[in-house]
N, C-alpha and C. Protein backbone atom coordinates (compact mmCIF):
# COMPACT_ATOMS: atom_id res chain seq x y z
N MET A 1 133.72 204.93 184.20
CA MET A 1 134.13 203.64 183.61
C MET A 1 132.50 203.02 183.36
N GLY A 2 131.89 203.41 183.96
CA GLY A 2 130.69 202.60 183.82
C GLY A 2 130.06 202.81 182.53
N LYS A 3 130.72 203.82 182.27
CA LYS A 3 129.79 204.03 180.90
C LYS A 3 130.78 202.89 179.61
N PHE A 4 132.02 202.90 179.98
CA PHE A 4 132.71 202.31 179.46
C PHE A 4 132.33 200.70 179.23
N PHE A 5 132.25 200.32 180.35
CA PHE A 5 131.66 198.79 180.63
C PHE A 5 130.29 198.76 180.13
N ASP A 6 129.32 199.97 180.16
CA ASP A 6 128.03 199.70 179.45
C ASP A 6 128.30 199.60 177.98
N PHE A 7 129.04 200.56 177.52
CA PHE A 7 129.39 200.53 176.11
C PHE A 7 129.75 199.09 175.53
N ILE A 8 130.92 198.60 176.37
CA ILE A 8 131.47 197.28 176.01
C ILE A 8 130.08 196.29 176.35
N ASN A 9 129.61 196.42 177.08
CA ASN A 9 128.33 195.64 177.57
C ASN A 9 127.43 195.64 176.22
N PHE A 10 126.84 197.03 175.79
CA PHE A 10 126.07 197.20 174.71
C PHE A 10 126.69 196.60 173.70
N GLY A 11 127.94 196.66 173.31
CA GLY A 11 128.96 196.32 171.94
C GLY A 11 128.65 194.51 172.30
N LEU A 12 129.08 193.97 173.52
CA LEU A 12 128.76 192.72 173.50
C LEU A 12 127.57 192.12 173.28
N VAL A 13 126.48 192.67 173.95
CA VAL A 13 125.43 192.58 173.71
C VAL A 13 124.76 192.50 172.14
N THR A 14 125.17 193.85 171.55
CA THR A 14 125.03 193.73 170.32
C THR A 14 125.72 192.76 169.50
N LEU A 15 127.41 192.59 169.93
CA LEU A 15 127.75 191.24 169.05
C LEU A 15 127.10 190.18 169.43
N LEU A 16 126.51 190.08 170.72
CA LEU A 16 125.97 188.80 171.17
C LEU A 16 124.39 188.55 170.21
N GLY A 17 123.93 189.75 169.99
CA GLY A 17 122.68 189.82 169.12
C GLY A 17 122.99 189.48 167.73
N VAL A 18 124.17 190.12 167.37
CA VAL A 18 124.60 189.62 165.78
C VAL A 18 125.16 188.14 165.78
N LEU A 19 125.44 187.98 167.08
CA LEU A 19 126.02 186.42 166.84
C LEU A 19 124.70 185.62 166.74
N CYS A 20 123.67 185.80 167.66
CA CYS A 20 122.61 185.11 167.76
C CYS A 20 121.82 185.09 166.65
N LEU A 21 121.60 186.32 165.94
CA LEU A 21 120.98 186.40 164.82
C LEU A 21 121.96 185.72 163.49
N THR A 22 123.32 185.53 163.66
CA THR A 22 123.77 184.94 162.68
C THR A 22 123.65 183.28 162.90
N GLN A 23 123.82 183.26 164.16
CA GLN A 23 123.55 181.65 164.54
C GLN A 23 122.15 181.24 164.14
N TRP A 24 121.32 182.04 164.34
CA TRP A 24 119.76 181.93 164.14
C TRP A 24 119.68 181.63 162.60
N SER A 25 120.07 182.60 161.92
CA SER A 25 120.30 182.39 160.33
C SER A 25 121.02 180.99 159.84
N HIS A 26 121.89 180.96 160.73
CA HIS A 26 122.89 179.64 160.16
C HIS A 26 121.83 178.31 160.53
N GLU A 27 121.28 178.32 161.86
CA GLU A 27 120.44 177.09 161.79
C GLU A 27 119.14 177.04 161.17
N ARG A 28 118.77 178.50 160.90
CA ARG A 28 117.44 178.20 159.80
C ARG A 28 117.85 177.59 158.33
N GLU A 29 119.18 178.12 157.90
CA GLU A 29 119.31 177.74 156.88
C GLU A 29 120.09 176.06 156.80
N TYR A 30 120.71 175.79 158.38
CA TYR A 30 120.74 174.27 158.29
C TYR A 30 119.49 173.27 158.64
N ALA A 31 118.38 174.31 159.26
CA ALA A 31 117.12 173.37 159.16
C ALA A 31 116.69 173.21 158.06
N ARG A 32 116.75 174.17 157.07
CA ARG A 32 116.27 174.12 155.87
C ARG A 32 116.99 173.22 155.11
N GLN A 33 118.44 173.22 155.07
CA GLN A 33 119.04 172.03 154.42
C GLN A 33 118.90 170.61 155.02
N PHE A 34 118.67 170.54 156.21
CA PHE A 34 118.21 169.57 156.99
C PHE A 34 116.98 169.11 156.36
N THR A 35 116.02 169.87 156.35
CA THR A 35 114.67 169.27 155.68
C THR A 35 114.99 168.94 154.16
N GLU A 36 115.93 169.78 153.31
CA GLU A 36 116.12 169.30 152.12
C GLU A 36 116.65 167.77 152.04
N LEU A 37 117.83 167.65 153.00
CA LEU A 37 118.45 166.38 153.32
C LEU A 37 117.33 165.31 153.43
N ARG A 38 116.53 165.50 154.53
CA ARG A 38 115.49 164.65 154.76
C ARG A 38 115.06 164.20 153.63
N GLN A 39 114.16 165.46 152.93
CA GLN A 39 113.53 164.81 151.59
C GLN A 39 114.20 164.41 150.69
N THR A 40 115.47 164.67 150.51
CA THR A 40 116.35 163.81 149.69
C THR A 40 116.55 162.64 150.08
N ALA A 41 116.89 162.35 151.53
CA ALA A 41 116.71 161.09 151.88
C ALA A 41 115.46 160.27 151.57
N THR A 42 114.42 160.91 152.11
CA THR A 42 113.25 160.14 151.65
C THR A 42 113.21 159.76 150.22
N SER A 43 113.55 160.96 149.28
CA SER A 43 113.28 160.47 148.08
C SER A 43 114.22 159.35 147.61
N GLN A 44 115.33 159.33 148.32
CA GLN A 44 116.62 158.07 147.87
C GLN A 44 116.25 157.08 148.29
N ALA A 45 115.51 156.90 149.55
CA ALA A 45 114.92 155.55 150.06
C ALA A 45 113.95 155.24 149.34
N ASP A 46 113.21 155.99 148.89
CA ASP A 46 111.95 155.84 147.95
C ASP A 46 112.62 155.12 146.48
N LYS A 47 113.43 155.84 145.80
CA LYS A 47 114.25 155.19 144.84
C LYS A 47 115.08 153.97 144.82
N ILE A 48 115.65 154.02 146.44
CA ILE A 48 116.41 152.77 146.42
C ILE A 48 115.01 151.64 146.97
N ALA A 49 113.90 152.00 147.26
CA ALA A 49 112.90 151.43 147.48
C ALA A 49 112.29 150.44 146.21
N VAL A 50 112.34 151.54 145.15
CA VAL A 50 112.01 151.31 143.84
C VAL A 50 112.99 150.32 143.29
N GLN A 51 114.32 150.91 143.11
CA GLN A 51 115.20 150.12 142.56
C GLN A 51 115.48 148.78 143.13
N THR A 52 115.23 148.72 144.42
CA THR A 52 115.33 147.34 144.96
C THR A 52 114.34 146.48 144.61
N GLU A 53 113.00 147.19 144.51
CA GLU A 53 111.92 146.07 143.91
C GLU A 53 112.35 145.89 142.38
N SER A 54 112.73 147.08 141.56
CA SER A 54 113.16 146.79 140.56
C SER A 54 114.39 145.47 140.17
N LEU A 55 115.36 145.46 141.29
CA LEU A 55 116.56 144.56 141.30
C LEU A 55 115.61 143.09 141.35
N GLN A 56 114.70 143.06 142.35
CA GLN A 56 114.01 142.10 142.59
C GLN A 56 113.14 141.13 141.16
N GLN A 57 112.83 142.16 140.61
CA GLN A 57 111.59 141.99 139.37
C GLN A 57 112.78 141.73 138.37
N ALA A 58 113.73 142.16 138.49
CA ALA A 58 114.95 141.73 137.45
C ALA A 58 115.45 140.17 137.66
N ASN A 59 115.61 140.25 138.84
CA ASN A 59 116.18 138.87 139.48
C ASN A 59 115.26 137.81 138.82
N GLN A 60 114.03 138.14 139.11
CA GLN A 60 112.79 137.37 138.93
C GLN A 60 112.94 137.23 137.34
N ASP A 61 113.10 138.02 136.60
CA ASP A 61 112.86 138.34 135.38
C ASP A 61 114.37 137.46 134.82
N LEU A 62 115.42 137.60 135.51
CA LEU A 62 116.39 137.06 135.06
C LEU A 62 116.41 135.50 135.21
N GLU A 63 115.77 134.94 136.12
CA GLU A 63 115.50 133.68 136.59
C GLU A 63 114.78 133.17 135.39
N GLY A 64 113.41 134.23 134.84
CA GLY A 64 112.88 133.57 133.86
C GLY A 64 113.83 133.66 132.42
N PHE A 65 114.52 134.85 132.37
CA PHE A 65 115.27 134.76 131.26
C PHE A 65 116.49 133.83 131.33
N LYS A 66 116.88 133.24 132.22
CA LYS A 66 117.45 131.60 132.17
C LYS A 66 116.62 130.77 132.01
N GLN A 67 115.65 130.93 132.27
CA GLN A 67 114.87 129.46 131.93
C GLN A 67 114.63 129.47 130.51
N GLU A 68 114.11 130.87 130.09
CA GLU A 68 113.78 130.91 128.35
C GLU A 68 115.08 130.65 127.59
N ILE A 69 116.29 131.37 128.08
CA ILE A 69 117.74 130.83 127.28
C ILE A 69 117.80 129.41 127.50
N THR A 70 117.46 128.52 128.51
CA THR A 70 117.56 127.36 128.38
C THR A 70 116.64 126.53 127.59
N THR A 71 115.46 127.39 127.72
CA THR A 71 114.40 126.79 126.66
C THR A 71 114.97 127.00 125.07
N PHE A 72 115.45 128.10 124.88
CA PHE A 72 115.87 128.62 123.55
C PHE A 72 117.07 127.73 123.34
N LYS A 73 118.11 127.19 124.04
CA LYS A 73 119.18 126.59 124.00
C LYS A 73 118.83 125.05 123.41
N GLN A 74 117.55 124.57 124.28
CA GLN A 74 117.21 123.25 124.00
C GLN A 74 116.49 123.10 122.37
N GLN A 75 115.77 124.50 122.40
CA GLN A 75 115.13 124.54 120.85
C GLN A 75 116.00 124.46 119.94
N ALA A 76 117.14 125.14 120.14
CA ALA A 76 118.38 125.41 119.10
C ALA A 76 119.21 124.04 119.05
N ASP A 77 119.14 123.42 120.15
CA ASP A 77 119.72 122.10 119.86
C ASP A 77 118.75 121.07 118.97
N ASP A 78 117.60 121.33 119.19
CA ASP A 78 116.43 120.47 118.65
C ASP A 78 116.40 120.94 117.18
N ASN A 79 116.55 121.99 117.00
CA ASN A 79 116.60 122.94 115.63
C ASN A 79 117.92 122.26 114.96
N THR A 80 119.20 122.04 115.67
CA THR A 80 120.39 121.85 114.90
C THR A 80 120.30 120.33 114.30
N THR A 81 119.63 119.47 115.37
CA THR A 81 119.23 118.07 115.02
C THR A 81 118.40 118.11 113.83
N LEU A 82 117.51 118.72 113.94
CA LEU A 82 116.20 118.72 112.39
C LEU A 82 117.15 119.17 111.26
N ILE A 83 117.75 120.36 112.00
CA ILE A 83 118.38 120.59 110.43
C ILE A 83 119.23 119.79 109.85
N ARG A 84 120.21 118.98 110.92
CA ARG A 84 121.00 117.98 110.22
C ARG A 84 120.20 116.87 109.59
N GLN A 85 118.94 116.56 110.23
CA GLN A 85 117.98 115.60 109.53
C GLN A 85 117.68 115.89 108.33
N GLN A 86 117.45 117.56 108.01
CA GLN A 86 116.79 117.81 106.84
C GLN A 86 117.75 117.83 105.78
N LYS A 87 119.18 118.18 106.39
CA LYS A 87 120.09 118.01 105.27
C LYS A 87 120.50 116.73 104.66
N GLY A 88 120.38 115.82 105.77
CA GLY A 88 120.46 114.53 105.09
C GLY A 88 119.43 114.05 104.12
N GLN A 89 118.24 114.69 104.60
CA GLN A 89 117.00 113.98 103.46
C GLN A 89 117.20 115.00 102.39
N ILE A 90 117.84 116.33 102.43
CA ILE A 90 118.06 117.19 101.03
C ILE A 90 119.13 116.39 100.44
N PHE A 91 120.16 115.94 101.25
CA PHE A 91 121.23 115.15 100.23
C PHE A 91 120.61 113.97 99.73
N GLN A 92 119.75 113.22 100.64
CA GLN A 92 118.80 111.91 99.65
C GLN A 92 118.34 112.39 98.69
N LEU A 93 117.45 113.28 98.75
CA LEU A 93 116.26 113.96 97.44
C LEU A 93 117.50 114.34 96.74
N GLN A 94 118.77 114.94 96.86
CA GLN A 94 119.47 115.30 95.52
C GLN A 94 120.09 114.09 95.13
N GLU A 95 120.41 112.83 95.79
CA GLU A 95 120.62 111.74 95.11
C GLU A 95 119.57 111.29 94.34
N ASP A 96 118.35 111.18 94.73
CA ASP A 96 117.34 110.72 94.26
C ASP A 96 117.05 111.57 92.94
N ASN A 97 117.19 112.79 92.74
CA ASN A 97 117.04 113.61 91.83
C ASN A 97 117.84 113.36 90.91
N THR A 98 118.96 113.33 90.96
CA THR A 98 120.06 112.58 89.96
C THR A 98 119.72 111.35 89.57
N ARG A 99 119.31 110.55 90.07
CA ARG A 99 119.34 109.24 89.89
C ARG A 99 117.86 109.29 88.91
N THR A 100 116.89 109.82 89.11
CA THR A 100 115.68 110.29 88.41
C THR A 100 115.90 110.95 87.06
N THR A 101 116.82 111.97 87.13
CA THR A 101 117.26 112.47 85.95
C THR A 101 118.00 111.66 85.10
N HIS A 102 118.81 110.99 85.36
CA HIS A 102 119.29 109.73 84.93
C HIS A 102 118.23 108.67 83.92
N GLN A 103 117.42 108.51 84.58
CA GLN A 103 116.43 107.61 84.30
C GLN A 103 115.71 108.32 83.10
N LEU A 104 115.16 109.54 83.59
CA LEU A 104 114.77 110.58 82.75
C LEU A 104 115.33 110.36 81.42
N ALA A 105 116.78 110.67 81.29
CA ALA A 105 117.24 110.65 80.10
C ALA A 105 117.55 109.43 79.53
N ASP A 106 117.42 108.22 80.07
CA ASP A 106 117.20 107.11 79.47
C ASP A 106 116.29 106.59 79.08
N TRP A 107 115.02 107.08 79.44
CA TRP A 107 113.76 107.07 79.23
C TRP A 107 113.11 107.66 77.93
N GLN A 108 113.97 109.18 78.04
CA GLN A 108 113.97 109.98 76.87
C GLN A 108 114.27 109.56 75.62
N LYS A 109 115.63 108.88 75.86
CA LYS A 109 116.39 108.04 74.74
C LYS A 109 115.30 106.84 74.16
N ALA A 110 115.09 106.07 75.16
CA ALA A 110 114.24 105.20 74.86
C ALA A 110 112.88 105.63 74.04
N VAL A 111 112.58 106.60 74.51
CA VAL A 111 110.94 107.59 73.74
C VAL A 111 111.50 108.00 72.26
N ASP A 112 112.70 108.28 72.40
CA ASP A 112 113.24 108.89 71.07
C ASP A 112 113.38 107.75 70.18
N GLU A 113 113.84 106.80 70.36
CA GLU A 113 114.03 105.57 69.93
C GLU A 113 112.85 104.67 69.17
N TYR A 114 111.79 105.00 70.72
CA TYR A 114 110.31 104.55 70.09
C TYR A 114 109.96 105.50 68.82
N LYS A 115 109.73 106.57 69.04
CA LYS A 115 109.34 107.62 68.11
C LYS A 115 110.05 107.28 66.64
N SER A 116 111.27 107.01 66.57
CA SER A 116 112.16 106.66 65.36
C SER A 116 111.60 105.33 64.85
N ALA A 117 111.34 104.37 65.67
CA ALA A 117 110.96 102.99 65.17
C ALA A 117 109.56 103.33 64.54
N VAL A 118 108.77 103.80 65.29
CA VAL A 118 107.12 104.35 64.86
C VAL A 118 107.26 104.85 63.63
N THR A 119 108.07 105.84 63.33
CA THR A 119 107.98 106.49 62.13
C THR A 119 108.72 105.81 61.04
N THR A 120 109.52 105.11 61.23
CA THR A 120 110.10 103.95 60.53
C THR A 120 108.96 102.99 59.97
N ARG A 121 108.46 102.48 61.08
CA ARG A 121 107.21 101.48 60.82
C ARG A 121 106.06 101.90 60.11
N ASP A 122 105.70 102.98 60.38
CA ASP A 122 104.29 104.29 59.42
C ASP A 122 105.31 104.49 58.15
N ASP A 123 106.36 104.51 57.90
CA ASP A 123 106.90 104.73 56.66
C ASP A 123 106.78 103.35 55.80
N ASN A 124 106.95 102.28 56.47
CA ASN A 124 106.87 100.80 56.23
C ASN A 124 105.57 100.50 55.82
N ILE A 125 104.71 101.14 56.95
CA ILE A 125 103.48 100.59 56.56
C ILE A 125 102.68 101.44 55.16
N LYS A 126 103.08 102.62 55.39
CA LYS A 126 102.63 103.65 53.81
C LYS A 126 103.14 102.79 52.63
N THR A 127 104.48 102.59 52.76
CA THR A 127 105.12 102.05 51.44
C THR A 127 104.29 100.54 51.04
N LEU A 128 103.99 99.75 52.27
CA LEU A 128 103.25 98.69 51.88
C LEU A 128 101.86 98.68 51.51
N LEU A 129 101.10 99.67 52.27
CA LEU A 129 99.90 100.09 51.58
C LEU A 129 99.91 100.42 50.17
N LYS A 130 100.95 101.29 49.62
CA LYS A 130 100.93 101.74 48.47
C LYS A 130 101.23 100.73 47.43
N GLN A 131 102.05 99.46 48.00
CA GLN A 131 102.14 98.13 47.15
C GLN A 131 100.63 97.55 47.16
N ARG A 132 100.25 97.47 48.24
CA ARG A 132 99.27 96.88 48.21
C ARG A 132 98.06 97.46 47.11
N GLU A 133 98.12 98.93 47.21
CA GLU A 133 96.92 99.52 46.19
C GLU A 133 97.37 99.15 44.67
N GLU A 134 98.69 99.14 44.62
CA GLU A 134 99.10 98.57 43.13
C GLU A 134 98.93 97.66 42.97
N LEU A 135 99.07 96.26 43.98
CA LEU A 135 98.72 95.01 43.75
C LEU A 135 97.35 94.95 43.38
N VAL A 136 96.21 95.85 44.27
CA VAL A 136 95.08 95.58 43.92
C VAL A 136 94.43 95.98 42.83
N THR A 137 95.08 96.98 42.42
CA THR A 137 94.89 97.89 41.18
C THR A 137 95.46 96.64 39.81
N ALA A 138 96.42 96.05 39.94
CA ALA A 138 96.83 95.42 39.05
C ALA A 138 95.99 93.99 38.97
N ASN A 139 95.47 93.51 40.49
CA ASN A 139 94.73 92.45 40.48
C ASN A 139 93.16 92.55 40.03
N LYS A 140 92.88 93.96 39.69
CA LYS A 140 91.72 94.37 39.09
C LYS A 140 91.99 94.41 37.82
N ASP A 141 93.02 94.79 37.50
CA ASP A 141 93.36 94.62 35.73
C ASP A 141 93.34 93.35 35.46
N VAL A 142 94.10 92.29 36.00
CA VAL A 142 94.26 90.83 35.78
C VAL A 142 92.93 90.33 35.77
N ALA A 143 92.00 90.71 36.90
CA ALA A 143 90.74 90.19 37.13
C ALA A 143 89.79 90.55 35.71
N ALA A 144 89.94 91.79 35.46
CA ALA A 144 89.34 92.22 34.43
C ALA A 144 89.61 91.51 32.76
N LYS A 145 90.70 91.22 32.83
CA LYS A 145 91.30 90.78 31.90
C LYS A 145 91.15 89.33 31.86
N ALA A 146 90.90 88.55 33.15
CA ALA A 146 90.51 87.32 33.37
C ALA A 146 88.86 86.95 33.17
N ASN A 147 88.34 88.04 33.30
CA ASN A 147 86.65 88.22 33.16
C ASN A 147 86.70 88.19 31.56
N GLU A 148 87.29 88.86 31.21
CA GLU A 148 87.10 89.00 29.34
C GLU A 148 87.79 87.74 28.81
N ALA A 149 88.71 87.16 29.40
CA ALA A 149 89.18 86.16 28.98
C ALA A 149 88.25 84.74 29.30
N VAL A 150 87.50 84.82 30.32
CA VAL A 150 86.71 83.99 30.59
C VAL A 150 85.24 84.04 29.58
N LEU A 151 85.03 85.32 29.59
CA LEU A 151 83.81 85.49 28.54
C LEU A 151 84.15 85.12 27.41
N ALA A 152 85.45 85.26 26.80
CA ALA A 152 85.97 84.89 25.34
C ALA A 152 85.76 82.98 25.34
N TYR A 153 86.25 82.73 26.58
CA TYR A 153 86.21 81.19 26.69
C TYR A 153 84.70 81.00 26.52
N ASN A 154 83.99 81.27 27.45
CA ASN A 154 82.52 80.97 27.48
C ASN A 154 82.26 81.40 25.94
N ASN A 155 82.66 82.51 25.20
CA ASN A 155 82.03 82.51 23.96
C ASN A 155 82.42 81.49 22.81
N LEU A 156 83.39 81.06 23.39
CA LEU A 156 84.64 79.97 22.09
C LEU A 156 83.75 78.64 22.48
N THR A 157 83.40 78.28 24.04
CA THR A 157 82.75 77.26 24.32
C THR A 157 81.37 77.02 23.95
N SER A 158 80.74 78.24 23.76
CA SER A 158 79.23 78.14 23.27
C SER A 158 79.57 78.06 21.85
N LYS A 159 80.11 78.33 20.95
CA LYS A 159 80.84 78.22 19.56
C LYS A 159 80.90 77.12 19.61
N TYR A 160 81.77 76.41 20.22
CA TYR A 160 82.40 74.83 20.10
C TYR A 160 81.25 73.96 20.44
N GLU A 161 80.27 74.18 21.24
CA GLU A 161 79.33 73.46 21.61
C GLU A 161 78.00 73.62 20.20
N ASP A 162 77.97 74.61 19.84
CA ASP A 162 76.98 74.74 18.81
C ASP A 162 77.73 74.04 17.46
N LEU A 163 79.34 74.31 17.23
CA LEU A 163 80.14 73.30 16.50
C LEU A 163 80.07 71.79 16.71
N VAL A 164 80.11 71.37 17.84
CA VAL A 164 79.73 70.13 18.15
C VAL A 164 78.47 69.44 17.59
N THR A 165 77.55 70.38 18.34
CA THR A 165 76.02 70.06 18.00
C THR A 165 75.96 69.76 16.31
N LYS A 166 76.43 70.87 15.69
CA LYS A 166 76.36 70.82 13.83
C LYS A 166 77.06 69.55 13.49
N TYR A 167 77.94 69.51 14.25
CA TYR A 167 79.39 68.14 14.07
C TYR A 167 78.17 66.89 14.23
N ASN A 168 77.75 66.88 15.54
CA ASN A 168 76.90 65.69 15.91
C ASN A 168 75.83 65.36 14.61
N SER A 169 75.00 66.47 14.70
CA SER A 169 74.00 66.67 13.78
C SER A 169 74.63 66.07 11.81
N LEU A 170 75.51 66.75 11.89
CA LEU A 170 76.26 66.26 10.32
C LEU A 170 76.79 64.55 10.41
N ALA A 171 77.40 64.57 11.60
CA ALA A 171 77.78 62.84 11.35
C ALA A 171 76.54 61.86 11.64
N THR A 172 75.25 62.29 12.34
CA THR A 172 74.49 61.88 12.31
C THR A 172 73.74 61.68 11.04
N ARG A 173 73.71 62.79 10.14
CA ARG A 173 73.03 62.65 8.97
C ARG A 173 73.98 61.93 8.08
N TYR A 174 75.31 61.90 8.23
CA TYR A 174 76.36 61.44 7.33
C TYR A 174 76.16 59.57 7.72
N LYS A 175 75.80 59.52 9.02
CA LYS A 175 75.74 57.93 9.53
C LYS A 175 74.76 57.24 8.82
N ALA A 176 73.60 58.47 8.97
CA ALA A 176 72.04 58.13 8.29
C ALA A 176 72.33 57.31 6.77
N GLU A 177 73.16 58.94 6.28
CA GLU A 177 73.54 58.58 4.81
C GLU A 177 74.03 57.34 4.52
N GLN A 178 74.89 56.94 5.02
CA GLN A 178 75.87 56.06 4.59
C GLN A 178 74.88 54.87 5.02
N ASP A 179 74.71 54.71 6.17
CA ASP A 179 73.61 53.46 6.38
C ASP A 179 72.45 53.09 5.26
N ALA A 180 71.94 54.51 5.01
CA ALA A 180 70.75 54.25 3.64
C ALA A 180 71.69 53.95 2.69
N ALA A 181 73.00 54.49 2.42
CA ALA A 181 73.52 54.27 1.00
C ALA A 181 74.07 52.56 1.01
N ALA A 182 74.60 52.16 1.97
CA ALA A 182 74.82 50.81 2.61
C ALA A 182 73.82 50.04 2.30
N ALA A 183 72.54 50.22 2.81
CA ALA A 183 71.17 49.56 2.85
C ALA A 183 70.93 49.58 1.35
N ALA A 184 71.02 50.96 0.40
CA ALA A 184 70.62 50.58 -0.84
C ALA A 184 71.36 49.70 -1.49
N ALA A 185 72.64 50.12 -1.36
CA ALA A 185 73.73 49.06 -2.09
C ALA A 185 73.71 47.69 -1.59
N ALA A 186 73.27 47.16 -0.26
CA ALA A 186 73.13 45.82 -0.17
C ALA A 186 71.76 45.41 -0.47
N GLN A 187 70.82 46.27 -0.89
CA GLN A 187 69.49 45.89 -1.83
C GLN A 187 69.69 46.02 -3.07
N ALA A 188 70.56 46.83 -3.42
CA ALA A 188 70.90 46.78 -4.66
C ALA A 188 71.77 45.26 -5.35
N GLY A 189 72.60 45.10 -4.29
CA GLY A 189 73.46 43.95 -4.45
C GLY A 189 72.70 42.77 -4.18
N ALA A 190 71.63 42.69 -3.60
CA ALA A 190 70.70 41.53 -3.52
C ALA A 190 69.78 41.38 -4.30
N LYS A 191 69.44 42.40 -5.02
CA LYS A 191 68.73 41.86 -6.43
C LYS A 191 69.64 41.48 -7.19
């Protein structure tokens, strides 16, 4: 029976050895897993720290972003006001453009009428110049005829003077002859 107990002891010791070996194997596995978990925990803690820092930076960025949004909103409001002012200016410019277009049309009409009046005036001037040329030509003809008439008159006057001179000379001779004949008759009658 001693052998039986030795065999049971040996079986139990072997079982205990297998159990120890299994336990040791499991503990080693647990230790490895525990190390991995610690590394994972450290890694996760680092990630959490990084994420916490990122979140803090994001919160700071969010505050900056909120300020930028506020600034952009203010700029958008200012731009909206500016756009309204510019639309008002555009509307005013369109009215000015319309008014200027109407004035331009009126001026163009006046210019066209002026051009027409200038053309009519130029035609009248041309007609008057043509009539003047005709009158100048007619005056030249009349002046030439008047000169001919003056020359003829001067010639006639010259002939008249010659005739008057001859007449006066004949009258003087006739009177002298008459006076001489009267004196001779008075002498002959006195004798």
